[in-house]
């Protein structure tokens, strides 16, 4: 049988920059390719290229860091057909595994041990039409939903979706963050506090520490 493989942009060890495990040392497995073109994307370098690696090669590289946490990200990891199998292989190694996904592709088949961190694309992202709302039924209390806010209008849209889909009851955390250069962190924080939203406000720690240099 042919050994399974995935196309990898980079594998590196750093601090988790967002989600509810922010600040924890984590190995990032960044897969290549994404069908979306969000206006605020900070990983365009992962759209093309990459190196095809066998599962064994990926697992050996991850193990070399002796991590507790592993985050599979992209690009859009679910754009590669073998990603669910890779997630399961990482879980089998005993890691706490998370998946960062745009929410534009089905999460069917993702191992139940994986924590899914799923975006809901706001109108300001330019990709709101790509939200696959059926994915919501595949999330549970261990998972997280993320909004990146580009404007007051995005914020109002996120509030509506929070209420319409009862998101705070559906997942463990709803994350909200400002799009860099479009909404000030202070402004978004003030809106959240004023409306007493059931969300976790966050900034991207890796950008504050390393100016979002690839490999961090």
N, C-alpha and C. Protein backbone atom coordinates (compact mmCIF):
# COMPACT_ATOMS: atom_id res chain seq x y z
N UNK A 1 0.85 -1.19 0.00
CA UNK A 1 0.00 0.00 0.00
C UNK A 1 0.88 1.24 0.00
N UNK A 2 0.51 2.24 -0.81
CA UNK A 2 1.27 3.47 -0.88
C UNK A 2 1.19 4.22 0.44
N UNK A 3 2.33 4.69 0.93
CA UNK A 3 2.35 5.42 2.19
C UNK A 3 1.68 6.78 2.02
N UNK A 4 0.84 7.14 2.99
CA UNK A 4 0.14 8.41 2.93
C UNK A 4 1.12 9.57 3.10
N UNK A 5 0.78 10.69 2.45
CA UNK A 5 1.64 11.87 2.53
C UNK A 5 0.78 13.12 2.45
N UNK A 6 1.38 14.23 2.84
CA UNK A 6 0.75 15.55 2.74
C UNK A 6 1.80 16.54 2.26
N UNK A 7 1.33 17.67 1.73
CA UNK A 7 2.26 18.71 1.30
C UNK A 7 2.39 19.72 2.43
N UNK A 8 3.64 19.94 2.86
CA UNK A 8 3.93 20.73 4.05
C UNK A 8 4.69 22.01 3.66
N UNK A 9 4.26 23.14 4.20
CA UNK A 9 5.00 24.39 4.05
C UNK A 9 6.08 24.51 5.10
N UNK A 10 5.75 24.17 6.36
CA UNK A 10 6.74 24.25 7.43
C UNK A 10 6.23 23.50 8.65
N UNK A 11 7.17 23.03 9.46
CA UNK A 11 6.91 22.46 10.77
C UNK A 11 7.85 23.16 11.74
N UNK A 12 7.31 23.77 12.77
CA UNK A 12 8.15 24.54 13.68
C UNK A 12 7.56 24.52 15.09
N UNK A 13 8.39 24.88 16.04
CA UNK A 13 8.02 24.89 17.46
C UNK A 13 8.01 26.33 17.94
N UNK A 14 6.91 26.73 18.56
CA UNK A 14 6.80 28.10 19.03
C UNK A 14 5.75 28.15 20.14
N UNK A 15 5.31 29.36 20.49
CA UNK A 15 4.19 29.52 21.41
C UNK A 15 2.91 29.66 20.60
N UNK A 16 1.84 29.04 21.10
CA UNK A 16 0.54 29.23 20.46
C UNK A 16 0.16 30.71 20.57
N UNK A 17 -0.17 31.31 19.42
CA UNK A 17 -0.43 32.73 19.39
C UNK A 17 -1.87 33.12 19.59
N UNK A 18 -2.79 32.16 19.47
CA UNK A 18 -4.20 32.46 19.64
C UNK A 18 -4.92 31.20 20.10
N UNK A 19 -6.24 31.27 20.19
CA UNK A 19 -7.10 30.20 20.70
C UNK A 19 -7.03 30.15 22.22
N UNK A 20 -7.71 29.18 22.82
CA UNK A 20 -7.73 29.15 24.29
C UNK A 20 -6.52 28.45 24.89
N UNK A 21 -5.56 28.06 24.04
CA UNK A 21 -4.28 27.55 24.55
C UNK A 21 -3.16 28.55 24.26
N UNK A 22 -3.50 29.81 24.10
CA UNK A 22 -2.52 30.85 23.80
C UNK A 22 -1.40 30.82 24.83
N UNK A 23 -0.18 30.95 24.35
CA UNK A 23 0.99 30.99 25.23
C UNK A 23 1.62 29.65 25.51
N UNK A 24 0.96 28.55 25.12
CA UNK A 24 1.52 27.23 25.39
C UNK A 24 2.48 26.80 24.29
N UNK A 25 3.65 26.26 24.64
CA UNK A 25 4.58 25.76 23.62
C UNK A 25 3.90 24.69 22.76
N UNK A 26 3.98 24.87 21.44
CA UNK A 26 3.21 24.06 20.50
C UNK A 26 4.02 23.81 19.25
N UNK A 27 3.91 22.62 18.67
CA UNK A 27 4.46 22.37 17.34
C UNK A 27 3.37 22.69 16.32
N UNK A 28 3.74 23.47 15.33
CA UNK A 28 2.82 23.83 14.25
C UNK A 28 3.18 23.05 12.99
N UNK A 29 2.19 22.40 12.44
CA UNK A 29 2.34 21.68 11.16
C UNK A 29 1.51 22.47 10.15
N UNK A 30 2.21 23.26 9.33
CA UNK A 30 1.51 24.12 8.38
C UNK A 30 1.43 23.44 7.02
N UNK A 31 0.21 23.08 6.63
CA UNK A 31 0.00 22.44 5.35
C UNK A 31 -0.12 23.49 4.24
N UNK A 32 0.20 23.07 3.02
CA UNK A 32 0.23 23.96 1.87
C UNK A 32 -1.11 23.96 1.15
N UNK A 33 -1.52 25.14 0.68
CA UNK A 33 -2.69 25.27 -0.16
C UNK A 33 -3.90 25.81 0.57
N UNK A 34 -4.69 26.65 -0.13
CA UNK A 34 -5.92 27.19 0.42
C UNK A 34 -6.79 27.68 -0.73
N UNK A 35 -8.08 27.33 -0.74
CA UNK A 35 -8.97 27.81 -1.80
C UNK A 35 -9.54 29.19 -1.52
N UNK A 36 -9.29 29.77 -0.34
CA UNK A 36 -9.81 31.08 0.02
C UNK A 36 -8.75 32.15 -0.18
N UNK A 37 -9.21 33.39 -0.27
CA UNK A 37 -8.30 34.53 -0.37
C UNK A 37 -8.83 35.65 0.53
N UNK A 38 -8.79 35.43 1.82
CA UNK A 38 -9.27 36.41 2.78
C UNK A 38 -8.38 37.65 2.73
N UNK A 39 -8.99 38.83 2.83
CA UNK A 39 -8.25 40.06 2.70
C UNK A 39 -7.20 40.27 3.76
N UNK A 40 -7.39 39.66 4.94
CA UNK A 40 -6.45 39.85 6.05
C UNK A 40 -5.50 38.68 6.23
N UNK A 41 -5.44 37.77 5.28
CA UNK A 41 -4.62 36.56 5.45
C UNK A 41 -3.17 36.92 5.75
N UNK A 42 -2.60 36.22 6.74
CA UNK A 42 -1.20 36.45 7.10
C UNK A 42 -0.31 35.25 6.76
N UNK A 43 -0.84 34.33 5.96
CA UNK A 43 -0.02 33.16 5.60
C UNK A 43 -0.11 32.85 4.11
N UNK A 44 -0.08 33.90 3.28
CA UNK A 44 -0.14 33.70 1.84
C UNK A 44 1.01 32.84 1.33
N UNK A 45 2.11 32.87 2.05
CA UNK A 45 3.27 32.07 1.63
C UNK A 45 2.98 30.57 1.63
N UNK A 46 1.87 30.17 2.29
CA UNK A 46 1.51 28.76 2.34
C UNK A 46 0.55 28.36 1.21
N UNK A 47 0.21 29.29 0.34
CA UNK A 47 -0.73 28.97 -0.74
C UNK A 47 -0.12 28.01 -1.75
N UNK A 48 1.16 28.16 -2.01
CA UNK A 48 1.81 27.41 -3.09
C UNK A 48 3.11 26.78 -2.59
N UNK A 49 3.65 25.91 -3.43
CA UNK A 49 4.94 25.29 -3.11
C UNK A 49 4.79 24.17 -2.11
N UNK A 50 5.61 24.20 -1.07
CA UNK A 50 5.57 23.16 -0.06
C UNK A 50 6.39 21.94 -0.47
N UNK A 51 6.54 21.04 0.48
CA UNK A 51 7.31 19.81 0.27
C UNK A 51 6.44 18.63 0.66
N UNK A 52 6.36 17.65 -0.23
CA UNK A 52 5.56 16.48 0.11
C UNK A 52 6.33 15.63 1.12
N UNK A 53 5.65 15.31 2.21
CA UNK A 53 6.27 14.51 3.27
C UNK A 53 5.35 13.34 3.62
N UNK A 54 5.96 12.20 3.86
CA UNK A 54 5.20 11.04 4.32
C UNK A 54 4.75 11.27 5.75
N UNK A 55 3.73 10.53 6.18
CA UNK A 55 3.28 10.65 7.56
C UNK A 55 4.43 10.36 8.52
N UNK A 56 5.24 9.36 8.21
CA UNK A 56 6.35 9.02 9.10
C UNK A 56 7.32 10.19 9.22
N UNK A 57 7.58 10.87 8.10
CA UNK A 57 8.48 12.02 8.14
C UNK A 57 7.89 13.15 8.99
N UNK A 58 6.60 13.40 8.83
CA UNK A 58 5.94 14.43 9.63
C UNK A 58 5.98 14.07 11.11
N UNK A 59 5.62 12.83 11.42
CA UNK A 59 5.59 12.39 12.82
C UNK A 59 6.97 12.43 13.46
N UNK A 60 7.99 12.06 12.70
CA UNK A 60 9.35 12.11 13.25
C UNK A 60 9.78 13.54 13.53
N UNK A 61 9.45 14.45 12.61
CA UNK A 61 9.82 15.85 12.81
C UNK A 61 9.09 16.43 14.02
N UNK A 62 7.81 16.13 14.16
CA UNK A 62 7.04 16.61 15.31
C UNK A 62 7.65 16.05 16.60
N UNK A 63 7.95 14.77 16.61
CA UNK A 63 8.49 14.11 17.81
C UNK A 63 9.82 14.69 18.23
N UNK A 64 10.58 15.24 17.28
CA UNK A 64 11.91 15.76 17.61
C UNK A 64 11.83 16.94 18.58
N UNK A 65 10.66 17.57 18.69
CA UNK A 65 10.49 18.70 19.61
C UNK A 65 9.92 18.28 20.97
N UNK A 66 9.54 17.01 21.10
CA UNK A 66 8.94 16.49 22.34
C UNK A 66 7.79 17.38 22.85
N UNK A 67 6.82 17.66 21.99
CA UNK A 67 5.76 18.59 22.38
C UNK A 67 4.63 17.90 23.14
N UNK A 68 3.83 18.70 23.81
CA UNK A 68 2.55 18.25 24.35
C UNK A 68 1.41 18.62 23.40
N UNK A 69 1.57 19.79 22.77
CA UNK A 69 0.51 20.32 21.91
C UNK A 69 1.00 20.37 20.47
N UNK A 70 0.10 19.99 19.55
CA UNK A 70 0.38 20.07 18.12
C UNK A 70 -0.80 20.76 17.46
N UNK A 71 -0.51 21.75 16.63
CA UNK A 71 -1.54 22.47 15.90
C UNK A 71 -1.34 22.26 14.40
N UNK A 72 -2.34 21.72 13.74
CA UNK A 72 -2.30 21.55 12.28
C UNK A 72 -3.03 22.75 11.67
N UNK A 73 -2.31 23.49 10.83
CA UNK A 73 -2.83 24.74 10.31
C UNK A 73 -2.48 24.85 8.83
N UNK A 74 -2.68 26.04 8.24
CA UNK A 74 -2.42 26.21 6.84
C UNK A 74 -2.10 27.65 6.51
N UNK A 75 -2.46 28.10 5.31
CA UNK A 75 -3.37 27.48 4.35
C UNK A 75 -4.68 27.00 4.98
N UNK A 76 -5.28 26.09 4.26
CA UNK A 76 -6.47 25.40 4.73
C UNK A 76 -6.17 23.91 4.78
N UNK A 77 -5.94 23.37 5.98
CA UNK A 77 -5.55 21.96 6.09
C UNK A 77 -6.54 20.99 5.45
N UNK A 78 -7.83 21.30 5.55
CA UNK A 78 -8.83 20.35 5.04
C UNK A 78 -8.91 20.33 3.52
N UNK A 79 -8.12 21.15 2.86
CA UNK A 79 -8.05 21.10 1.40
C UNK A 79 -7.26 19.89 0.93
N UNK A 80 -6.52 19.25 1.83
CA UNK A 80 -5.77 18.04 1.48
C UNK A 80 -6.52 16.81 1.99
N UNK A 81 -6.71 15.83 1.12
CA UNK A 81 -7.59 14.71 1.45
C UNK A 81 -7.07 13.82 2.56
N UNK A 82 -5.76 13.83 2.82
CA UNK A 82 -5.21 12.96 3.85
C UNK A 82 -5.08 13.64 5.21
N UNK A 83 -5.55 14.88 5.31
CA UNK A 83 -5.44 15.58 6.59
C UNK A 83 -6.16 14.86 7.73
N UNK A 84 -7.38 14.37 7.55
CA UNK A 84 -8.03 13.65 8.67
C UNK A 84 -7.20 12.48 9.17
N UNK A 85 -6.58 11.74 8.26
CA UNK A 85 -5.74 10.62 8.67
C UNK A 85 -4.50 11.09 9.42
N UNK A 86 -3.93 12.22 9.00
CA UNK A 86 -2.78 12.77 9.70
C UNK A 86 -3.17 13.20 11.12
N UNK A 87 -4.32 13.83 11.26
CA UNK A 87 -4.80 14.25 12.58
C UNK A 87 -4.94 13.05 13.50
N UNK A 88 -5.50 11.97 12.98
CA UNK A 88 -5.65 10.75 13.79
C UNK A 88 -4.29 10.19 14.17
N UNK A 89 -3.35 10.19 13.23
CA UNK A 89 -2.00 9.67 13.52
C UNK A 89 -1.34 10.48 14.63
N UNK A 90 -1.54 11.79 14.63
CA UNK A 90 -0.97 12.63 15.69
C UNK A 90 -1.64 12.35 17.04
N UNK A 91 -2.96 12.16 17.02
CA UNK A 91 -3.67 11.81 18.25
C UNK A 91 -3.16 10.49 18.82
N UNK A 92 -2.90 9.55 17.94
CA UNK A 92 -2.42 8.23 18.37
C UNK A 92 -1.06 8.31 19.05
N UNK A 93 -0.30 9.35 18.75
CA UNK A 93 1.01 9.55 19.39
C UNK A 93 0.87 10.19 20.77
N UNK A 94 -0.35 10.52 21.17
CA UNK A 94 -0.57 11.04 22.51
C UNK A 94 -0.53 12.54 22.65
N UNK A 95 -0.44 13.27 21.53
CA UNK A 95 -0.41 14.72 21.59
C UNK A 95 -1.82 15.27 21.78
N UNK A 96 -1.91 16.49 22.33
CA UNK A 96 -3.16 17.23 22.32
C UNK A 96 -3.17 18.01 21.00
N UNK A 97 -4.07 17.62 20.12
CA UNK A 97 -4.04 18.09 18.73
C UNK A 97 -5.17 19.07 18.47
N UNK A 98 -4.84 20.18 17.83
CA UNK A 98 -5.86 21.13 17.38
C UNK A 98 -5.75 21.32 15.87
N UNK A 99 -6.87 21.72 15.29
CA UNK A 99 -6.96 21.98 13.86
C UNK A 99 -7.46 23.40 13.66
N UNK A 100 -6.69 24.22 12.95
CA UNK A 100 -7.13 25.57 12.60
C UNK A 100 -7.67 25.53 11.17
N UNK A 101 -8.95 25.88 11.02
CA UNK A 101 -9.61 25.73 9.73
C UNK A 101 -10.49 26.94 9.42
N UNK A 102 -10.60 27.24 8.15
CA UNK A 102 -11.42 28.36 7.69
C UNK A 102 -12.91 28.08 7.84
N UNK A 103 -13.28 26.82 7.99
CA UNK A 103 -14.69 26.46 8.05
C UNK A 103 -15.35 26.38 6.69
N UNK A 104 -14.57 26.49 5.63
CA UNK A 104 -15.13 26.48 4.28
C UNK A 104 -15.20 25.07 3.68
N UNK A 105 -14.60 24.10 4.36
CA UNK A 105 -14.60 22.73 3.87
C UNK A 105 -15.11 21.82 4.98
N UNK A 106 -15.74 20.73 4.58
CA UNK A 106 -16.38 19.88 5.57
C UNK A 106 -15.39 19.34 6.60
N UNK A 107 -15.87 19.27 7.83
CA UNK A 107 -15.08 18.70 8.92
C UNK A 107 -15.50 17.26 9.21
N UNK A 108 -16.30 16.70 8.33
CA UNK A 108 -16.64 15.28 8.44
C UNK A 108 -15.37 14.45 8.44
N UNK A 109 -15.30 13.48 9.33
CA UNK A 109 -14.16 12.58 9.36
C UNK A 109 -13.01 13.02 10.24
N UNK A 110 -13.11 14.21 10.84
CA UNK A 110 -12.05 14.66 11.76
C UNK A 110 -12.18 13.90 13.08
N UNK A 111 -11.09 13.35 13.54
CA UNK A 111 -11.06 12.56 14.77
C UNK A 111 -11.69 13.35 15.93
N UNK A 112 -12.53 12.70 16.71
CA UNK A 112 -13.23 13.39 17.80
C UNK A 112 -12.29 13.89 18.89
N UNK A 113 -11.05 13.39 18.91
CA UNK A 113 -10.07 13.86 19.89
C UNK A 113 -9.46 15.20 19.53
N UNK A 114 -9.63 15.62 18.29
CA UNK A 114 -9.04 16.86 17.80
C UNK A 114 -9.90 18.05 18.23
N UNK A 115 -9.26 19.10 18.75
CA UNK A 115 -9.95 20.35 19.05
C UNK A 115 -10.00 21.17 17.76
N UNK A 116 -11.20 21.45 17.31
CA UNK A 116 -11.38 22.20 16.06
C UNK A 116 -11.53 23.69 16.38
N UNK A 117 -10.66 24.50 15.77
CA UNK A 117 -10.72 25.96 15.91
C UNK A 117 -11.15 26.49 14.54
N UNK A 118 -12.43 26.82 14.42
CA UNK A 118 -13.02 27.10 13.11
C UNK A 118 -13.39 28.57 12.97
N UNK A 119 -12.93 29.17 11.89
CA UNK A 119 -13.33 30.54 11.57
C UNK A 119 -14.79 30.59 11.09
N UNK A 120 -15.44 31.69 11.40
CA UNK A 120 -16.63 32.10 10.65
C UNK A 120 -16.24 33.39 9.93
N UNK A 121 -16.20 33.33 8.62
CA UNK A 121 -15.70 34.44 7.82
C UNK A 121 -16.72 35.58 7.80
N UNK A 122 -16.27 36.75 8.23
CA UNK A 122 -17.11 37.93 8.26
C UNK A 122 -17.22 38.55 6.87
N UNK A 123 -18.20 39.43 6.64
CA UNK A 123 -18.28 40.11 5.33
C UNK A 123 -16.99 40.82 4.96
N UNK A 124 -16.31 41.42 5.94
CA UNK A 124 -15.09 42.15 5.65
C UNK A 124 -13.93 41.28 5.20
N UNK A 125 -14.02 39.98 5.42
CA UNK A 125 -12.96 39.07 4.98
C UNK A 125 -12.93 38.93 3.47
N UNK A 126 -14.07 39.20 2.82
CA UNK A 126 -14.20 38.98 1.39
C UNK A 126 -14.59 37.56 1.03
N UNK A 127 -14.78 36.70 2.05
CA UNK A 127 -15.08 35.30 1.79
C UNK A 127 -16.28 34.81 2.60
N UNK A 128 -17.18 35.71 2.97
CA UNK A 128 -18.31 35.31 3.81
C UNK A 128 -19.17 34.24 3.15
N UNK A 129 -19.22 34.25 1.82
CA UNK A 129 -20.05 33.27 1.10
C UNK A 129 -19.48 31.86 1.18
N UNK A 130 -18.25 31.72 1.68
CA UNK A 130 -17.63 30.39 1.74
C UNK A 130 -17.92 29.66 3.05
N UNK A 131 -18.56 30.33 4.01
CA UNK A 131 -18.88 29.65 5.27
C UNK A 131 -19.75 28.43 5.00
N UNK A 132 -19.31 27.30 5.51
CA UNK A 132 -20.06 26.05 5.37
C UNK A 132 -20.80 25.83 6.69
N UNK A 133 -22.02 26.35 6.75
CA UNK A 133 -22.74 26.39 8.01
C UNK A 133 -23.05 25.01 8.56
N UNK A 134 -23.08 24.02 7.70
CA UNK A 134 -23.34 22.64 8.16
C UNK A 134 -22.24 22.14 9.09
N UNK A 135 -21.05 22.78 9.06
CA UNK A 135 -19.97 22.38 9.96
C UNK A 135 -20.33 22.62 11.43
N UNK A 136 -21.24 23.55 11.69
CA UNK A 136 -21.57 23.87 13.08
C UNK A 136 -22.07 22.65 13.83
N UNK A 137 -22.80 21.79 13.15
CA UNK A 137 -23.34 20.60 13.83
C UNK A 137 -22.25 19.59 14.19
N UNK A 138 -21.06 19.79 13.64
CA UNK A 138 -19.94 18.88 13.91
C UNK A 138 -19.05 19.39 15.04
N UNK A 139 -19.39 20.54 15.62
CA UNK A 139 -18.62 21.11 16.72
C UNK A 139 -19.25 20.75 18.05
N UNK A 140 -18.41 20.69 19.10
CA UNK A 140 -18.94 20.40 20.43
C UNK A 140 -18.26 21.29 21.47
N UNK A 141 -18.44 20.97 22.71
CA UNK A 141 -17.97 21.81 23.80
C UNK A 141 -16.47 21.89 23.95
N UNK A 142 -15.71 21.10 23.21
CA UNK A 142 -14.25 21.19 23.24
C UNK A 142 -13.72 22.11 22.15
N UNK A 143 -14.59 22.47 21.21
CA UNK A 143 -14.15 23.20 20.03
C UNK A 143 -14.28 24.71 20.22
N UNK A 144 -13.79 25.46 19.23
CA UNK A 144 -13.77 26.91 19.30
C UNK A 144 -14.18 27.51 17.95
N UNK A 145 -14.85 28.64 18.01
CA UNK A 145 -15.22 29.39 16.81
C UNK A 145 -14.53 30.75 16.88
N UNK A 146 -14.02 31.21 15.75
CA UNK A 146 -13.24 32.45 15.73
C UNK A 146 -13.82 33.44 14.73
N UNK A 147 -13.97 34.68 15.16
CA UNK A 147 -14.33 35.80 14.28
C UNK A 147 -13.14 36.75 14.21
N UNK A 148 -12.75 37.14 13.00
CA UNK A 148 -11.78 38.22 12.81
C UNK A 148 -12.58 39.42 12.31
N UNK A 149 -12.51 40.52 13.06
CA UNK A 149 -13.38 41.67 12.84
C UNK A 149 -12.64 42.76 12.07
N UNK A 150 -13.22 43.17 10.93
CA UNK A 150 -12.60 44.18 10.08
C UNK A 150 -13.27 45.54 10.19
N UNK A 151 -14.45 45.62 10.82
CA UNK A 151 -15.20 46.87 10.86
C UNK A 151 -16.31 46.76 11.89
N UNK A 152 -16.98 47.87 12.17
CA UNK A 152 -18.16 47.85 13.04
C UNK A 152 -19.24 46.96 12.44
N UNK A 153 -19.36 46.98 11.11
CA UNK A 153 -20.35 46.14 10.44
C UNK A 153 -20.06 44.65 10.67
N UNK A 154 -18.78 44.29 10.61
CA UNK A 154 -18.40 42.90 10.91
C UNK A 154 -18.79 42.53 12.33
N UNK A 155 -18.54 43.46 13.24
CA UNK A 155 -18.87 43.20 14.65
C UNK A 155 -20.37 42.97 14.82
N UNK A 156 -21.18 43.79 14.18
CA UNK A 156 -22.64 43.63 14.27
C UNK A 156 -23.06 42.31 13.66
N UNK A 157 -22.42 41.92 12.56
CA UNK A 157 -22.72 40.63 11.91
C UNK A 157 -22.38 39.48 12.86
N UNK A 158 -21.23 39.57 13.52
CA UNK A 158 -20.82 38.52 14.45
C UNK A 158 -21.81 38.41 15.61
N UNK A 159 -22.29 39.55 16.11
CA UNK A 159 -23.29 39.53 17.17
C UNK A 159 -24.55 38.79 16.73
N UNK A 160 -24.98 39.06 15.52
CA UNK A 160 -26.18 38.40 14.99
C UNK A 160 -25.98 36.88 14.90
N UNK A 161 -24.81 36.46 14.41
CA UNK A 161 -24.54 35.03 14.27
C UNK A 161 -24.40 34.35 15.63
N UNK A 162 -23.82 35.05 16.60
CA UNK A 162 -23.75 34.52 17.96
C UNK A 162 -25.13 34.16 18.47
N UNK A 163 -26.08 35.06 18.23
CA UNK A 163 -27.44 34.85 18.71
C UNK A 163 -28.19 33.83 17.85
N UNK A 164 -28.07 33.97 16.54
CA UNK A 164 -28.82 33.10 15.62
C UNK A 164 -28.49 31.63 15.82
N UNK A 165 -27.21 31.32 15.99
CA UNK A 165 -26.77 29.93 16.09
C UNK A 165 -26.44 29.51 17.53
N UNK A 166 -26.68 30.40 18.50
CA UNK A 166 -26.40 30.10 19.91
C UNK A 166 -24.98 29.54 20.05
N UNK A 167 -24.03 30.28 19.47
CA UNK A 167 -22.66 29.78 19.35
C UNK A 167 -21.99 29.57 20.70
N UNK A 168 -22.24 30.47 21.65
CA UNK A 168 -21.59 30.34 22.96
C UNK A 168 -22.04 29.09 23.70
N UNK A 169 -23.19 28.56 23.34
CA UNK A 169 -23.68 27.33 23.96
C UNK A 169 -23.21 26.09 23.19
N UNK A 170 -22.81 26.30 21.95
CA UNK A 170 -22.47 25.19 21.07
C UNK A 170 -21.02 24.73 21.25
N UNK A 171 -20.11 25.69 21.55
CA UNK A 171 -18.68 25.39 21.62
C UNK A 171 -18.11 25.85 22.95
N UNK A 172 -16.86 25.47 23.19
CA UNK A 172 -16.22 25.84 24.45
C UNK A 172 -15.86 27.30 24.53
N UNK A 173 -15.41 27.87 23.41
CA UNK A 173 -15.03 29.29 23.38
C UNK A 173 -15.38 29.88 22.03
N UNK A 174 -15.91 31.10 22.07
CA UNK A 174 -16.03 31.92 20.87
C UNK A 174 -14.95 32.99 20.97
N UNK A 175 -14.07 33.03 20.00
CA UNK A 175 -12.92 33.93 19.99
C UNK A 175 -13.20 35.11 19.06
N UNK A 176 -12.80 36.29 19.47
CA UNK A 176 -12.99 37.46 18.62
C UNK A 176 -11.71 38.29 18.66
N UNK A 177 -11.26 38.72 17.48
CA UNK A 177 -10.01 39.48 17.40
C UNK A 177 -10.12 40.53 16.30
N UNK A 178 -9.35 41.61 16.41
CA UNK A 178 -9.38 42.65 15.39
C UNK A 178 -8.48 42.31 14.21
N UNK A 179 -8.92 42.66 13.02
CA UNK A 179 -8.06 42.57 11.85
C UNK A 179 -7.04 43.69 11.92
N UNK A 180 -5.78 43.34 11.86
CA UNK A 180 -4.69 44.31 12.05
C UNK A 180 -4.82 45.47 11.07
N UNK A 181 -4.79 46.68 11.60
CA UNK A 181 -4.83 47.87 10.77
C UNK A 181 -6.20 48.30 10.32
N UNK A 182 -7.24 47.50 10.67
CA UNK A 182 -8.60 47.84 10.26
C UNK A 182 -9.48 48.23 11.45
N UNK A 183 -9.33 47.54 12.55
CA UNK A 183 -10.04 47.87 13.78
C UNK A 183 -9.00 47.89 14.90
N UNK A 184 -9.01 48.91 15.73
CA UNK A 184 -8.05 48.97 16.82
C UNK A 184 -8.43 47.97 17.90
N UNK A 185 -7.45 47.33 18.52
CA UNK A 185 -7.75 46.40 19.60
C UNK A 185 -8.58 47.05 20.71
N UNK A 186 -8.25 48.28 21.06
CA UNK A 186 -8.99 48.98 22.12
C UNK A 186 -10.45 49.16 21.73
N UNK A 187 -10.69 49.54 20.48
CA UNK A 187 -12.07 49.75 20.04
C UNK A 187 -12.89 48.47 20.12
N UNK A 188 -12.32 47.37 19.62
CA UNK A 188 -13.04 46.11 19.67
C UNK A 188 -13.26 45.66 21.11
N UNK A 189 -12.25 45.82 21.94
CA UNK A 189 -12.39 45.46 23.35
C UNK A 189 -13.53 46.25 24.00
N UNK A 190 -13.62 47.54 23.68
CA UNK A 190 -14.68 48.37 24.24
C UNK A 190 -16.06 47.90 23.78
N UNK A 191 -16.18 47.52 22.52
CA UNK A 191 -17.47 47.02 22.03
C UNK A 191 -17.87 45.75 22.77
N UNK A 192 -16.92 44.84 22.93
CA UNK A 192 -17.20 43.57 23.61
C UNK A 192 -17.67 43.81 25.04
N UNK A 193 -16.96 44.67 25.75
CA UNK A 193 -17.32 44.96 27.14
C UNK A 193 -18.67 45.66 27.22
N UNK A 194 -18.88 46.62 26.35
CA UNK A 194 -20.14 47.37 26.35
C UNK A 194 -21.34 46.46 26.13
N UNK A 195 -21.19 45.48 25.25
CA UNK A 195 -22.30 44.58 24.93
C UNK A 195 -22.30 43.31 25.78
N UNK A 196 -21.28 43.17 26.65
CA UNK A 196 -21.19 41.99 27.51
C UNK A 196 -21.29 40.70 26.69
N UNK A 197 -20.56 40.66 25.59
CA UNK A 197 -20.64 39.49 24.70
C UNK A 197 -20.01 38.26 25.35
N UNK A 198 -20.58 37.07 25.12
CA UNK A 198 -20.01 35.83 25.66
C UNK A 198 -18.89 35.31 24.78
N UNK A 199 -17.83 36.11 24.66
CA UNK A 199 -16.71 35.76 23.78
C UNK A 199 -15.41 35.97 24.53
N UNK A 200 -14.35 35.39 23.97
CA UNK A 200 -12.99 35.60 24.49
C UNK A 200 -12.26 36.53 23.52
N UNK A 201 -12.00 37.77 23.96
CA UNK A 201 -11.23 38.71 23.15
C UNK A 201 -9.78 38.24 23.10
N UNK A 202 -9.17 38.34 21.93
CA UNK A 202 -7.77 37.92 21.83
C UNK A 202 -7.02 38.76 20.82
N UNK A 203 -5.73 38.89 21.08
CA UNK A 203 -4.78 39.43 20.12
C UNK A 203 -3.84 38.30 19.72
N UNK A 204 -3.21 38.44 18.57
CA UNK A 204 -2.33 37.38 18.09
C UNK A 204 -0.94 37.54 18.73
N UNK A 205 -0.68 36.70 19.72
CA UNK A 205 0.55 36.82 20.51
C UNK A 205 1.80 36.75 19.64
N UNK A 206 1.78 35.90 18.61
CA UNK A 206 2.97 35.74 17.78
C UNK A 206 3.30 37.03 17.03
N UNK A 207 2.28 37.81 16.68
CA UNK A 207 2.56 39.09 16.00
C UNK A 207 3.17 40.09 16.97
N UNK A 208 2.72 40.07 18.21
CA UNK A 208 3.27 40.99 19.19
C UNK A 208 4.72 40.66 19.53
N UNK A 209 5.04 39.37 19.54
CA UNK A 209 6.39 38.94 19.92
C UNK A 209 7.38 38.96 18.76
N UNK A 210 6.93 38.48 17.60
CA UNK A 210 7.87 38.24 16.50
C UNK A 210 7.49 38.93 15.19
N UNK A 211 6.51 39.81 15.25
CA UNK A 211 6.08 40.52 14.04
C UNK A 211 5.66 39.54 12.96
N UNK A 212 5.16 38.36 13.41
CA UNK A 212 4.60 37.35 12.50
C UNK A 212 5.61 36.83 11.46
N UNK A 213 6.88 36.75 11.85
CA UNK A 213 7.88 36.17 10.96
C UNK A 213 7.57 34.70 10.72
N UNK A 214 7.56 34.21 9.44
CA UNK A 214 7.34 32.78 9.20
C UNK A 214 8.28 31.93 10.04
N UNK A 215 7.74 30.82 10.55
CA UNK A 215 8.54 29.95 11.40
C UNK A 215 8.38 30.26 12.87
N UNK A 216 7.52 31.23 13.20
CA UNK A 216 7.21 31.55 14.58
C UNK A 216 5.70 31.46 14.83
